[in-house]
Amino acid sequence: MVDGLVWEPMMVSEVFSEVMLSPTQYNHHDLKIEGEPVAVYVTRSQENNGITQHVPHQNKAPIAGGCITVGGATATVFYQLGRFYTGQDVLILRHPKMGEASALMLVALLRVQVGKFSWG
């Protein structure tokens, strides 16, 4: 225990000020691939921080980094440092006081929690 720190169960909505479905969901086949890459494309993949490729500007602006992504059906959890676009069913979790170190700790905790769920 860290002095003055109390651990207790909390809802995700109590920890993060913003919990939302990605506003820039792109199907892989609909991505523009020609041009200078400006952001990464994050999917529900368990590999490479969920990043499947680097892409140029799409029809919408990329999502700002500094947030945690959670892949819907795959329950993948990663911290995204830079700008990105997403595939389908990716949640974005933010808090204005969340830095990289605290985000990585939260990612580890969330992975344990989502690991309790399975399809079989």
PDB file of N, CA and C in Angstrom:
ATOM      1  N   MET A   1       0.836  -1.191   0.000  1.00  0.00           N
ATOM      2  CA  MET A   1       0.000   0.000   0.000  1.00  0.00           C
ATOM      3  C   MET A   1       0.873   1.243   0.000  1.00  0.00           C
ATOM      4  N   VAL A   2       0.527   2.177  -0.831  1.00  0.00           N
ATOM      5  CA  VAL A   2       1.206   3.464  -0.893  1.00  0.00           C
ATOM      6  C   VAL A   2       0.557   4.373   0.141  1.00  0.00           C
ATOM      7  N   ASP A   3       1.371   5.107   0.911  1.00  0.00           N
ATOM      8  CA  ASP A   3       0.823   5.989   1.944  1.00  0.00           C
ATOM      9  C   ASP A   3      -0.231   6.929   1.373  1.00  0.00           C
ATOM     10  N   GLY A   4      -1.399   6.921   1.987  1.00  0.00           N
ATOM     11  CA  GLY A   4      -2.478   7.821   1.589  1.00  0.00           C
ATOM     12  C   GLY A   4      -3.294   7.349   0.408  1.00  0.00           C
ATOM     13  N   LEU A   5      -2.905   6.226  -0.187  1.00  0.00           N
ATOM     14  CA  LEU A   5      -3.628   5.723  -1.358  1.00  0.00           C
ATOM     15  C   LEU A   5      -4.554   4.591  -0.930  1.00  0.00           C
ATOM     16  N   VAL A   6      -5.821   4.732  -1.248  1.00  0.00           N
ATOM     17  CA  VAL A   6      -6.802   3.719  -0.885  1.00  0.00           C
ATOM     18  C   VAL A   6      -7.312   3.055  -2.157  1.00  0.00           C
ATOM     19  N   TRP A   7      -7.206   1.724  -2.216  1.00  0.00           N
ATOM     20  CA  TRP A   7      -7.679   0.974  -3.375  1.00  0.00           C
ATOM     21  C   TRP A   7      -9.066   0.450  -3.075  1.00  0.00           C
ATOM     22  N   GLU A   8      -9.999   0.687  -3.961  1.00  0.00           N
ATOM     23  CA  GLU A   8     -11.351   0.181  -3.802  1.00  0.00           C
ATOM     24  C   GLU A   8     -11.973  -0.024  -5.181  1.00  0.00           C
ATOM     25  N   PRO A   9     -12.969  -0.908  -5.260  1.00  0.00           N
ATOM     26  CA  PRO A   9     -13.627  -1.126  -6.561  1.00  0.00           C
ATOM     27  C   PRO A   9     -14.261   0.165  -7.086  1.00  0.00           C
ATOM     28  N   MET A  10     -14.132   0.374  -8.388  1.00  0.00           N
ATOM     29  CA  MET A  10     -14.714   1.549  -9.032  1.00  0.00           C
ATOM     30  C   MET A  10     -15.245   1.164 -10.401  1.00  0.00           C
ATOM     31  N   MET A  11     -16.240   1.871 -10.854  1.00  0.00           N
ATOM     32  CA  MET A  11     -16.736   1.701 -12.216  1.00  0.00           C
ATOM     33  C   MET A  11     -15.800   2.446 -13.164  1.00  0.00           C
ATOM     34  N   VAL A  12     -15.663   1.943 -14.379  1.00  0.00           N
ATOM     35  CA  VAL A  12     -14.803   2.603 -15.369  1.00  0.00           C
ATOM     36  C   VAL A  12     -15.216   4.062 -15.548  1.00  0.00           C
ATOM     37  N   SER A  13     -16.518   4.323 -15.531  1.00  0.00           N
ATOM     38  CA  SER A  13     -17.008   5.694 -15.717  1.00  0.00           C
ATOM     39  C   SER A  13     -16.624   6.614 -14.556  1.00  0.00           C
ATOM     40  N   GLU A  14     -16.221   6.041 -13.412  1.00  0.00           N
ATOM     41  CA  GLU A  14     -15.757   6.850 -12.283  1.00  0.00           C
ATOM     42  C   GLU A  14     -14.270   7.186 -12.406  1.00  0.00           C
ATOM     43  N   VAL A  15     -13.544   6.401 -13.166  1.00  0.00           N
ATOM     44  CA  VAL A  15     -12.106   6.603 -13.324  1.00  0.00           C
ATOM     45  C   VAL A  15     -11.807   7.540 -14.488  1.00  0.00           C
ATOM     46  N   PHE A  16     -12.571   7.399 -15.572  1.00  0.00           N
ATOM     47  CA  PHE A  16     -12.316   8.173 -16.782  1.00  0.00           C
ATOM     48  C   PHE A  16     -13.386   9.241 -16.969  1.00  0.00           C
ATOM     49  N   SER A  17     -12.962  10.412 -17.404  1.00  0.00           N
ATOM     50  CA  SER A  17     -13.915  11.501 -17.649  1.00  0.00           C
ATOM     51  C   SER A  17     -14.614  11.326 -18.995  1.00  0.00           C
ATOM     52  N   GLU A  18     -14.016  10.539 -19.865  1.00  0.00           N
ATOM     53  CA  GLU A  18     -14.594  10.314 -21.190  1.00  0.00           C
ATOM     54  C   GLU A  18     -14.497   8.834 -21.541  1.00  0.00           C
ATOM     55  N   VAL A  19     -15.627   8.228 -21.813  1.00  0.00           N
ATOM     56  CA  VAL A  19     -15.705   6.845 -22.283  1.00  0.00           C
ATOM     57  C   VAL A  19     -16.617   6.871 -23.498  1.00  0.00           C
ATOM     58  N   MET A  20     -16.041   6.632 -24.674  1.00  0.00           N
ATOM     59  CA  MET A  20     -16.854   6.756 -25.885  1.00  0.00           C
ATOM     60  C   MET A  20     -16.412   5.772 -26.955  1.00  0.00           C
ATOM     61  N   LEU A  21     -17.339   5.464 -27.840  1.00  0.00           N
ATOM     62  CA  LEU A  21     -17.014   4.668 -29.011  1.00  0.00           C
ATOM     63  C   LEU A  21     -16.243   5.563 -29.980  1.00  0.00           C
ATOM     64  N   SER A  22     -15.246   5.032 -30.622  1.00  0.00           N
ATOM     65  CA  SER A  22     -14.417   5.815 -31.536  1.00  0.00           C
ATOM     66  C   SER A  22     -15.266   6.548 -32.578  1.00  0.00           C
ATOM     67  N   PRO A  23     -15.017   7.855 -32.759  1.00  0.00           N
ATOM     68  CA  PRO A  23     -15.770   8.612 -33.765  1.00  0.00           C
ATOM     69  C   PRO A  23     -15.231   8.442 -35.185  1.00  0.00           C
ATOM     70  N   THR A  24     -14.080   7.783 -35.320  1.00  0.00           N
ATOM     71  CA  THR A  24     -13.485   7.613 -36.648  1.00  0.00           C
ATOM     72  C   THR A  24     -13.284   6.138 -36.960  1.00  0.00           C
ATOM     73  N   GLN A  25     -14.363   5.400 -37.000  1.00  0.00           N
ATOM     74  CA  GLN A  25     -14.281   3.968 -37.296  1.00  0.00           C
ATOM     75  C   GLN A  25     -14.229   3.755 -38.805  1.00  0.00           C
ATOM     76  N   TYR A  26     -13.179   3.099 -39.241  1.00  0.00           N
ATOM     77  CA  TYR A  26     -13.028   2.810 -40.668  1.00  0.00           C
ATOM     78  C   TYR A  26     -12.858   1.317 -40.874  1.00  0.00           C
ATOM     79  N   ASN A  27     -13.596   0.777 -41.817  1.00  0.00           N
ATOM     80  CA  ASN A  27     -13.378  -0.590 -42.246  1.00  0.00           C
ATOM     81  C   ASN A  27     -12.049  -0.605 -42.996  1.00  0.00           C
ATOM     82  N   HIS A  28     -11.262  -1.620 -42.770  1.00  0.00           N
ATOM     83  CA  HIS A  28      -9.945  -1.723 -43.406  1.00  0.00           C
ATOM     84  C   HIS A  28     -10.015  -1.519 -44.920  1.00  0.00           C
ATOM     85  N   HIS A  29     -11.040  -2.042 -45.554  1.00  0.00           N
ATOM     86  CA  HIS A  29     -11.159  -1.945 -47.013  1.00  0.00           C
ATOM     87  C   HIS A  29     -11.527  -0.540 -47.483  1.00  0.00           C
ATOM     88  N   ASP A  30     -12.015   0.319 -46.583  1.00  0.00           N
ATOM     89  CA  ASP A  30     -12.411   1.675 -46.955  1.00  0.00           C
ATOM     90  C   ASP A  30     -11.332   2.716 -46.676  1.00  0.00           C
ATOM     91  N   LEU A  31     -10.204   2.314 -46.115  1.00  0.00           N
ATOM     92  CA  LEU A  31      -9.132   3.255 -45.794  1.00  0.00           C
ATOM     93  C   LEU A  31      -8.462   3.789 -47.055  1.00  0.00           C
ATOM     94  N   LYS A  32      -8.156   5.069 -47.041  1.00  0.00           N
ATOM     95  CA  LYS A  32      -7.304   5.635 -48.081  1.00  0.00           C
ATOM     96  C   LYS A  32      -5.879   5.236 -47.726  1.00  0.00           C
ATOM     97  N   ILE A  33      -5.148   4.697 -48.670  1.00  0.00           N
ATOM     98  CA  ILE A  33      -3.794   4.249 -48.363  1.00  0.00           C
ATOM     99  C   ILE A  33      -2.718   5.021 -49.120  1.00  0.00           C
ATOM    100  N   GLU A  34      -3.131   5.851 -50.070  1.00  0.00           N
ATOM    101  CA  GLU A  34      -2.175   6.649 -50.842  1.00  0.00           C
ATOM    102  C   GLU A  34      -1.922   7.972 -50.128  1.00  0.00           C
ATOM    103  N   GLY A  35      -0.676   8.358 -50.015  1.00  0.00           N
ATOM    104  CA  GLY A  35      -0.324   9.632 -49.398  1.00  0.00           C
ATOM    105  C   GLY A  35       0.601   9.452 -48.202  1.00  0.00           C
ATOM    106  N   GLU A  36       1.049  10.574 -47.687  1.00  0.00           N
ATOM    107  CA  GLU A  36       1.969  10.594 -46.548  1.00  0.00           C
ATOM    108  C   GLU A  36       1.249  10.156 -45.269  1.00  0.00           C
ATOM    109  N   PRO A  37       1.754   9.148 -44.561  1.00  0.00           N
ATOM    110  CA  PRO A  37       1.102   8.723 -43.318  1.00  0.00           C
ATOM    111  C   PRO A  37       1.089   9.840 -42.269  1.00  0.00           C
ATOM    112  N   VAL A  38      -0.060  10.028 -41.637  1.00  0.00           N
ATOM    113  CA  VAL A  38      -0.199  11.050 -40.589  1.00  0.00           C
ATOM    114  C   VAL A  38      -0.640  10.454 -39.258  1.00  0.00           C
ATOM    115  N   ALA A  39      -1.068   9.194 -39.278  1.00  0.00           N
ATOM    116  CA  ALA A  39      -1.576   8.562 -38.067  1.00  0.00           C
ATOM    117  C   ALA A  39      -1.494   7.046 -38.222  1.00  0.00           C
ATOM    118  N   VAL A  40      -1.701   6.363 -37.104  1.00  0.00           N
ATOM    119  CA  VAL A  40      -1.750   4.904 -37.159  1.00  0.00           C
ATOM    120  C   VAL A  40      -3.201   4.456 -37.206  1.00  0.00           C
ATOM    121  N   TYR A  41      -3.403   3.241 -37.666  1.00  0.00           N
ATOM    122  CA  TYR A  41      -4.733   2.638 -37.737  1.00  0.00           C
ATOM    123  C   TYR A  41      -4.788   1.557 -36.667  1.00  0.00           C
ATOM    124  N   VAL A  42      -5.625   1.776 -35.658  1.00  0.00           N
ATOM    125  CA  VAL A  42      -5.730   0.876 -34.504  1.00  0.00           C
ATOM    126  C   VAL A  42      -6.980   0.019 -34.659  1.00  0.00           C
ATOM    127  N   THR A  43      -6.787  -1.289 -34.541  1.00  0.00           N
ATOM    128  CA  THR A  43      -7.907  -2.220 -34.628  1.00  0.00           C
ATOM    129  C   THR A  43      -7.981  -3.026 -33.338  1.00  0.00           C
ATOM    130  N   ARG A  44      -8.773  -4.075 -33.352  1.00  0.00           N
ATOM    131  CA  ARG A  44      -8.904  -4.931 -32.173  1.00  0.00           C
ATOM    132  C   ARG A  44      -7.829  -6.004 -32.121  1.00  0.00           C
ATOM    133  N   SER A  45      -6.801  -5.868 -32.932  1.00  0.00           N
ATOM    134  CA  SER A  45      -5.702  -6.835 -32.962  1.00  0.00           C
ATOM    135  C   SER A  45      -4.975  -6.861 -31.622  1.00  0.00           C
ATOM    136  N   GLN A  46      -4.478  -8.023 -31.251  1.00  0.00           N
ATOM    137  CA  GLN A  46      -3.709  -8.157 -30.020  1.00  0.00           C
ATOM    138  C   GLN A  46      -2.230  -7.878 -30.251  1.00  0.00           C
ATOM    139  N   GLU A  47      -1.848  -7.653 -31.465  1.00  0.00           N
ATOM    140  CA  GLU A  47      -0.446  -7.434 -31.817  1.00  0.00           C
ATOM    141  C   GLU A  47      -0.126  -5.950 -31.973  1.00  0.00           C
ATOM    142  N   ASN A  48       1.133  -5.596 -31.703  1.00  0.00           N
ATOM    143  CA  ASN A  48       1.677  -4.270 -32.041  1.00  0.00           C
ATOM    144  C   ASN A  48       0.853  -3.103 -31.500  1.00  0.00           C
ATOM    145  N   ASN A  49       0.393  -3.201 -30.253  1.00  0.00           N
ATOM    146  CA  ASN A  49      -0.393  -2.131 -29.634  1.00  0.00           C
ATOM    147  C   ASN A  49      -1.714  -1.879 -30.361  1.00  0.00           C
ATOM    148  N   GLY A  50      -2.183  -2.883 -31.092  1.00  0.00           N
ATOM    149  CA  GLY A  50      -3.419  -2.747 -31.853  1.00  0.00           C
ATOM    150  C   GLY A  50      -3.225  -2.058 -33.192  1.00  0.00           C
ATOM    151  N   ILE A  51      -2.000  -1.646 -33.480  1.00  0.00           N
ATOM    152  CA  ILE A  51      -1.704  -0.903 -34.712  1.00  0.00           C
ATOM    153  C   ILE A  51      -1.482  -1.877 -35.861  1.00  0.00           C
ATOM    154  N   THR A  52      -2.280  -1.714 -36.919  1.00  0.00           N
ATOM    155  CA  THR A  52      -2.113  -2.605 -38.069  1.00  0.00           C
ATOM    156  C   THR A  52      -1.427  -1.931 -39.250  1.00  0.00           C
ATOM    157  N   GLN A  53      -1.452  -0.585 -39.293  1.00  0.00           N
ATOM    158  CA  GLN A  53      -0.733   0.125 -40.355  1.00  0.00           C
ATOM    159  C   GLN A  53      -0.701   1.619 -40.077  1.00  0.00           C
ATOM    160  N   HIS A  54       0.128   2.324 -40.851  1.00  0.00           N
ATOM    161  CA  HIS A  54       0.186   3.784 -40.811  1.00  0.00           C
ATOM    162  C   HIS A  54      -0.584   4.286 -42.025  1.00  0.00           C
ATOM    163  N   VAL A  55      -1.416   5.311 -41.814  1.00  0.00           N
ATOM    164  CA  VAL A  55      -2.307   5.755 -42.889  1.00  0.00           C
ATOM    165  C   VAL A  55      -2.246   7.268 -43.080  1.00  0.00           C
ATOM    166  N   PRO A  56      -2.562   7.727 -44.305  1.00  0.00           N
ATOM    167  CA  PRO A  56      -2.655   9.165 -44.553  1.00  0.00           C
ATOM    168  C   PRO A  56      -3.960   9.721 -43.979  1.00  0.00           C
ATOM    169  N   HIS A  57      -4.149  11.010 -44.101  1.00  0.00           N
ATOM    170  CA  HIS A  57      -5.374  11.659 -43.614  1.00  0.00           C
ATOM    171  C   HIS A  57      -6.581  11.029 -44.303  1.00  0.00           C
ATOM    172  N   GLN A  58      -7.610  10.738 -43.496  1.00  0.00           N
ATOM    173  CA  GLN A  58      -8.847  10.152 -44.006  1.00  0.00           C
ATOM    174  C   GLN A  58      -9.898  11.263 -44.136  1.00  0.00           C
ATOM    175  N   ASN A  59     -11.167  10.930 -44.227  1.00  0.00           N
ATOM    176  CA  ASN A  59     -12.227  11.931 -44.371  1.00  0.00           C
ATOM    177  C   ASN A  59     -12.423  12.769 -43.110  1.00  0.00           C
ATOM    178  N   LYS A  60     -12.033  12.226 -41.972  1.00  0.00           N
ATOM    179  CA  LYS A  60     -12.129  12.936 -40.696  1.00  0.00           C
ATOM    180  C   LYS A  60     -10.730  13.108 -40.128  1.00  0.00           C
ATOM    181  N   ALA A  61     -10.592  14.041 -39.189  1.00  0.00           N
ATOM    182  CA  ALA A  61      -9.311  14.223 -38.518  1.00  0.00           C
ATOM    183  C   ALA A  61      -9.033  13.020 -37.628  1.00  0.00           C
ATOM    184  N   PRO A  62      -7.757  12.676 -37.448  1.00  0.00           N
ATOM    185  CA  PRO A  62      -7.455  11.557 -36.554  1.00  0.00           C
ATOM    186  C   PRO A  62      -7.791  11.907 -35.100  1.00  0.00           C
ATOM    187  N   ILE A  63      -7.925  10.886 -34.294  1.00  0.00           N
ATOM    188  CA  ILE A  63      -8.196  11.046 -32.869  1.00  0.00           C
ATOM    189  C   ILE A  63      -6.892  11.427 -32.184  1.00  0.00           C
ATOM    190  N   ALA A  64      -6.945  12.345 -31.254  1.00  0.00           N
ATOM    191  CA  ALA A  64      -5.750  12.737 -30.497  1.00  0.00           C
ATOM    192  C   ALA A  64      -5.303  11.579 -29.619  1.00  0.00           C
ATOM    193  N   GLY A  65      -4.004  11.429 -29.460  1.00  0.00           N
ATOM    194  CA  GLY A  65      -3.451  10.390 -28.602  1.00  0.00           C
ATOM    195  C   GLY A  65      -3.613  10.754 -27.135  1.00  0.00           C
ATOM    196  N   GLY A  66      -2.873  10.043 -26.297  1.00  0.00           N
ATOM    197  CA  GLY A  66      -2.968  10.270 -24.868  1.00  0.00           C
ATOM    198  C   GLY A  66      -4.205   9.630 -24.263  1.00  0.00           C
ATOM    199  N   CYS A  67      -4.597   8.475 -24.797  1.00  0.00           N
ATOM    200  CA  CYS A  67      -5.805   7.802 -24.311  1.00  0.00           C
ATOM    201  C   CYS A  67      -5.604   6.290 -24.351  1.00  0.00           C
ATOM    202  N   ILE A  68      -6.550   5.603 -23.744  1.00  0.00           N
ATOM    203  CA  ILE A  68      -6.546   4.145 -23.739  1.00  0.00           C
ATOM    204  C   ILE A  68      -7.598   3.666 -24.730  1.00  0.00           C
ATOM    205  N   THR A  69      -7.258   2.643 -25.502  1.00  0.00           N
ATOM    206  CA  THR A  69      -8.230   2.038 -26.423  1.00  0.00           C
ATOM    207  C   THR A  69      -8.569   0.634 -25.921  1.00  0.00           C
ATOM    208  N   VAL A  70      -9.841   0.284 -26.067  1.00  0.00           N
ATOM    209  CA  VAL A  70     -10.308  -1.047 -25.691  1.00  0.00           C
ATOM    210  C   VAL A  70     -11.036  -1.636 -26.896  1.00  0.00           C
ATOM    211  N   GLY A  71     -10.545  -2.758 -27.390  1.00  0.00           N
ATOM    212  CA  GLY A  71     -11.181  -3.433 -28.517  1.00  0.00           C
ATOM    213  C   GLY A  71     -12.391  -4.208 -28.047  1.00  0.00           C
ATOM    214  N   GLY A  72     -13.532  -3.967 -28.680  1.00  0.00           N
ATOM    215  CA  GLY A  72     -14.795  -4.572 -28.277  1.00  0.00           C
ATOM    216  C   GLY A  72     -14.769  -6.067 -28.073  1.00  0.00           C
ATOM    217  N   ALA A  73     -14.959  -6.836 -29.111  1.00  0.00           N
ATOM    218  CA  ALA A  73     -15.104  -8.291 -28.990  1.00  0.00           C
ATOM    219  C   ALA A  73     -13.819  -8.981 -28.553  1.00  0.00           C
ATOM    220  N   THR A  74     -12.665  -8.394 -28.832  1.00  0.00           N
ATOM    221  CA  THR A  74     -11.394  -9.039 -28.503  1.00  0.00           C
ATOM    222  C   THR A  74     -10.873  -8.657 -27.130  1.00  0.00           C
ATOM    223  N   ALA A  75     -11.445  -7.624 -26.517  1.00  0.00           N
ATOM    224  CA  ALA A  75     -11.037  -7.157 -25.183  1.00  0.00           C
ATOM    225  C   ALA A  75      -9.553  -6.821 -25.125  1.00  0.00           C
ATOM    226  N   THR A  76      -9.037  -6.211 -26.182  1.00  0.00           N
ATOM    227  CA  THR A  76      -7.653  -5.761 -26.189  1.00  0.00           C
ATOM    228  C   THR A  76      -7.602  -4.374 -25.573  1.00  0.00           C
ATOM    229  N   VAL A  77      -6.558  -4.094 -24.803  1.00  0.00           N
ATOM    230  CA  VAL A  77      -6.432  -2.811 -24.113  1.00  0.00           C
ATOM    231  C   VAL A  77      -5.027  -2.275 -24.346  1.00  0.00           C
ATOM    232  N   PHE A  78      -4.938  -1.052 -24.875  1.00  0.00           N
ATOM    233  CA  PHE A  78      -3.641  -0.446 -25.160  1.00  0.00           C
ATOM    234  C   PHE A  78      -3.672   1.055 -24.860  1.00  0.00           C
ATOM    235  N   TYR A  79      -2.493   1.627 -24.659  1.00  0.00           N
ATOM    236  CA  TYR A  79      -2.345   3.078 -24.539  1.00  0.00           C
ATOM    237  C   TYR A  79      -1.890   3.602 -25.885  1.00  0.00           C
ATOM    238  N   GLN A  80      -2.564   4.623 -26.391  1.00  0.00           N
ATOM    239  CA  GLN A  80      -2.197   5.239 -27.668  1.00  0.00           C
ATOM    240  C   GLN A  80      -1.568   6.596 -27.399  1.00  0.00           C
ATOM    241  N   LEU A  81      -0.301   6.719 -27.708  1.00  0.00           N
ATOM    242  CA  LEU A  81       0.429   7.960 -27.455  1.00  0.00           C
ATOM    243  C   LEU A  81       0.151   9.020 -28.516  1.00  0.00           C
ATOM    244  N   GLY A  82       0.148   8.615 -29.774  1.00  0.00           N
ATOM    245  CA  GLY A  82      -0.010   9.565 -30.872  1.00  0.00           C
ATOM    246  C   GLY A  82      -1.378   9.498 -31.534  1.00  0.00           C
ATOM    247  N   ARG A  83      -1.548  10.298 -32.588  1.00  0.00           N
ATOM    248  CA  ARG A  83      -2.826  10.365 -33.324  1.00  0.00           C
ATOM    249  C   ARG A  83      -3.132   9.042 -34.005  1.00  0.00           C
ATOM    250  N   PHE A  84      -4.432   8.760 -34.124  1.00  0.00           N
ATOM    251  CA  PHE A  84      -4.812   7.476 -34.709  1.00  0.00           C
ATOM    252  C   PHE A  84      -6.233   7.496 -35.254  1.00  0.00           C
ATOM    253  N   TYR A  85      -6.500   6.544 -36.114  1.00  0.00           N
ATOM    254  CA  TYR A  85      -7.840   6.191 -36.583  1.00  0.00           C
ATOM    255  C   TYR A  85      -8.116   4.799 -36.048  1.00  0.00           C
ATOM    256  N   THR A  86      -9.371   4.380 -36.048  1.00  0.00           N
ATOM    257  CA  THR A  86      -9.664   3.032 -35.557  1.00  0.00           C
ATOM    258  C   THR A  86     -10.513   2.243 -36.542  1.00  0.00           C
ATOM    259  N   GLY A  87     -10.477   0.937 -36.311  1.00  0.00           N
ATOM    260  CA  GLY A  87     -11.415   0.034 -36.959  1.00  0.00           C
ATOM    261  C   GLY A  87     -12.714   0.075 -36.158  1.00  0.00           C
ATOM    262  N   GLN A  88     -13.546  -0.921 -36.351  1.00  0.00           N
ATOM    263  CA  GLN A  88     -14.856  -0.947 -35.692  1.00  0.00           C
ATOM    264  C   GLN A  88     -14.759  -1.421 -34.246  1.00  0.00           C
ATOM    265  N   ASP A  89     -15.704  -0.962 -33.430  1.00  0.00           N
ATOM    266  CA  ASP A  89     -15.868  -1.413 -32.047  1.00  0.00           C
ATOM    267  C   ASP A  89     -14.649  -1.174 -31.163  1.00  0.00           C
ATOM    268  N   VAL A  90     -14.127   0.040 -31.199  1.00  0.00           N
ATOM    269  CA  VAL A  90     -13.015   0.412 -30.324  1.00  0.00           C
ATOM    270  C   VAL A  90     -13.480   1.541 -29.414  1.00  0.00           C
ATOM    271  N   LEU A  91     -13.343   1.321 -28.109  1.00  0.00           N
ATOM    272  CA  LEU A  91     -13.687   2.353 -27.122  1.00  0.00           C
ATOM    273  C   LEU A  91     -12.478   3.229 -26.830  1.00  0.00           C
ATOM    274  N   ILE A  92     -12.752   4.499 -26.540  1.00  0.00           N
ATOM    275  CA  ILE A  92     -11.715   5.460 -26.178  1.00  0.00           C
ATOM    276  C   ILE A  92     -11.949   5.859 -24.724  1.00  0.00           C
ATOM    277  N   LEU A  93     -10.912   5.767 -23.889  1.00  0.00           N
ATOM    278  CA  LEU A  93     -11.002   6.154 -22.483  1.00  0.00           C
ATOM    279  C   LEU A  93     -10.009   7.279 -22.222  1.00  0.00           C
ATOM    280  N   ARG A  94     -10.493   8.377 -21.609  1.00  0.00           N
ATOM    281  CA  ARG A  94      -9.635   9.542 -21.351  1.00  0.00           C
ATOM    282  C   ARG A  94      -9.871  10.101 -19.958  1.00  0.00           C
ATOM    283  N   HIS A  95      -8.851  10.793 -19.476  1.00  0.00           N
ATOM    284  CA  HIS A  95      -8.964  11.628 -18.286  1.00  0.00           C
ATOM    285  C   HIS A  95      -7.921  12.726 -18.438  1.00  0.00           C
ATOM    286  N   PRO A  96      -8.282  13.978 -18.130  1.00  0.00           N
ATOM    287  CA  PRO A  96      -7.340  15.082 -18.346  1.00  0.00           C
ATOM    288  C   PRO A  96      -6.054  14.976 -17.527  1.00  0.00           C
ATOM    289  N   LYS A  97      -6.086  14.262 -16.412  1.00  0.00           N
ATOM    290  CA  LYS A  97      -4.892  14.131 -15.571  1.00  0.00           C
ATOM    291  C   LYS A  97      -4.102  12.859 -15.869  1.00  0.00           C
ATOM    292  N   MET A  98      -4.557  12.077 -16.852  1.00  0.00           N
ATOM    293  CA  MET A  98      -3.893  10.810 -17.152  1.00  0.00           C
ATOM    294  C   MET A  98      -2.656  11.042 -18.009  1.00  0.00           C
ATOM    295  N   GLY A  99      -1.502  10.720 -17.462  1.00  0.00           N
ATOM    296  CA  GLY A  99      -0.255  10.760 -18.214  1.00  0.00           C
ATOM    297  C   GLY A  99       0.105   9.369 -18.690  1.00  0.00           C
ATOM    298  N   GLU A 100       1.227   9.248 -19.372  1.00  0.00           N
ATOM    299  CA  GLU A 100       1.619   7.950 -19.920  1.00  0.00           C
ATOM    300  C   GLU A 100       1.829   6.909 -18.820  1.00  0.00           C
ATOM    301  N   ALA A 101       2.497   7.266 -17.728  1.00  0.00           N
ATOM    302  CA  ALA A 101       2.774   6.299 -16.658  1.00  0.00           C
ATOM    303  C   ALA A 101       1.482   5.795 -16.013  1.00  0.00           C
ATOM    304  N   SER A 102       0.572   6.703 -15.693  1.00  0.00           N
ATOM    305  CA  SER A 102      -0.680   6.266 -15.065  1.00  0.00           C
ATOM    306  C   SER A 102      -1.538   5.484 -16.064  1.00  0.00           C
ATOM    307  N   ALA A 103      -1.487   5.862 -17.333  1.00  0.00           N
ATOM    308  CA  ALA A 103      -2.247   5.131 -18.348  1.00  0.00           C
ATOM    309  C   ALA A 103      -1.751   3.698 -18.470  1.00  0.00           C
ATOM    310  N   LEU A 104      -0.449   3.505 -18.441  1.00  0.00           N
ATOM    311  CA  LEU A 104       0.101   2.156 -18.562  1.00  0.00           C
ATOM    312  C   LEU A 104      -0.273   1.300 -17.349  1.00  0.00           C
ATOM    313  N   MET A 105      -0.340   1.905 -16.178  1.00  0.00           N
ATOM    314  CA  MET A 105      -0.796   1.172 -15.004  1.00  0.00           C
ATOM    315  C   MET A 105      -2.263   0.781 -15.167  1.00  0.00           C
ATOM    316  N   LEU A 106      -3.083   1.728 -15.631  1.00  0.00           N
ATOM    317  CA  LEU A 106      -4.504   1.440 -15.845  1.00  0.00           C
ATOM    318  C   LEU A 106      -4.710   0.379 -16.922  1.00  0.00           C
ATOM    319  N   VAL A 107      -3.887   0.405 -17.964  1.00  0.00           N
ATOM    320  CA  VAL A 107      -3.960  -0.623 -19.013  1.00  0.00           C
ATOM    321  C   VAL A 107      -3.737  -2.000 -18.398  1.00  0.00           C
ATOM    322  N   ALA A 108      -2.720  -2.125 -17.541  1.00  0.00           N
ATOM    323  CA  ALA A 108      -2.446  -3.418 -16.899  1.00  0.00           C
ATOM    324  C   ALA A 108      -3.628  -3.872 -16.054  1.00  0.00           C
ATOM    325  N   LEU A 109      -4.224  -2.957 -15.299  1.00  0.00           N
ATOM    326  CA  LEU A 109      -5.381  -3.305 -14.470  1.00  0.00           C
ATOM    327  C   LEU A 109      -6.596  -3.678 -15.319  1.00  0.00           C
ATOM    328  N   LEU A 110      -6.832  -2.924 -16.376  1.00  0.00           N
ATOM    329  CA  LEU A 110      -7.972  -3.220 -17.257  1.00  0.00           C
ATOM    330  C   LEU A 110      -7.802  -4.567 -17.949  1.00  0.00           C
ATOM    331  N   ARG A 111      -6.576  -4.903 -18.334  1.00  0.00           N
ATOM    332  CA  ARG A 111      -6.333  -6.201 -18.980  1.00  0.00           C
ATOM    333  C   ARG A 111      -6.699  -7.359 -18.062  1.00  0.00           C
ATOM    334  N   VAL A 112      -6.396  -7.217 -16.784  1.00  0.00           N
ATOM    335  CA  VAL A 112      -6.763  -8.261 -15.828  1.00  0.00           C
ATOM    336  C   VAL A 112      -8.281  -8.392 -15.768  1.00  0.00           C
ATOM    337  N   GLN A 113      -8.960  -7.245 -15.746  1.00  0.00           N
ATOM    338  CA  GLN A 113     -10.417  -7.281 -15.632  1.00  0.00           C
ATOM    339  C   GLN A 113     -11.090  -7.840 -16.880  1.00  0.00           C
ATOM    340  N   VAL A 114     -10.686  -7.377 -18.051  1.00  0.00           N
ATOM    341  CA  VAL A 114     -11.328  -7.865 -19.276  1.00  0.00           C
ATOM    342  C   VAL A 114     -10.928  -9.308 -19.557  1.00  0.00           C
ATOM    343  N   GLY A 115      -9.792  -9.758 -18.997  1.00  0.00           N
ATOM    344  CA  GLY A 115      -9.379 -11.145 -19.157  1.00  0.00           C
ATOM    345  C   GLY A 115     -10.293 -12.129 -18.461  1.00  0.00           C
ATOM    346  N   LYS A 116     -11.143 -11.631 -17.574  1.00  0.00           N
ATOM    347  CA  LYS A 116     -12.092 -12.490 -16.861  1.00  0.00           C
ATOM    348  C   LYS A 116     -13.277 -12.884 -17.747  1.00  0.00           C
ATOM    349  N   PHE A 117     -13.439 -12.191 -18.866  1.00  0.00           N
ATOM    350  CA  PHE A 117     -14.551 -12.462 -19.768  1.00  0.00           C
ATOM    351  C   PHE A 117     -14.062 -13.313 -20.927  1.00  0.00           C
ATOM    352  N   SER A 118     -14.872 -14.253 -21.359  1.00  0.00           N
ATOM    353  CA  SER A 118     -14.508 -15.053 -22.521  1.00  0.00           C
ATOM    354  C   SER A 118     -15.789 -15.499 -23.228  1.00  0.00           C
ATOM    355  N   TRP A 119     -15.616 -15.951 -24.426  1.00  0.00           N
ATOM    356  CA  TRP A 119     -16.762 -16.389 -25.232  1.00  0.00           C
ATOM    357  C   TRP A 119     -17.083 -17.864 -25.011  1.00  0.00           C
ATOM    358  N   GLY A 120     -16.240 -18.566 -24.267  1.00  0.00           N
ATOM    359  CA  GLY A 120     -16.479 -19.983 -24.136  1.00  0.00           C
ATOM    360  C   GLY A 120     -16.341 -20.458 -22.749  1.00  0.00           C
TER     361      GLY A 120
END
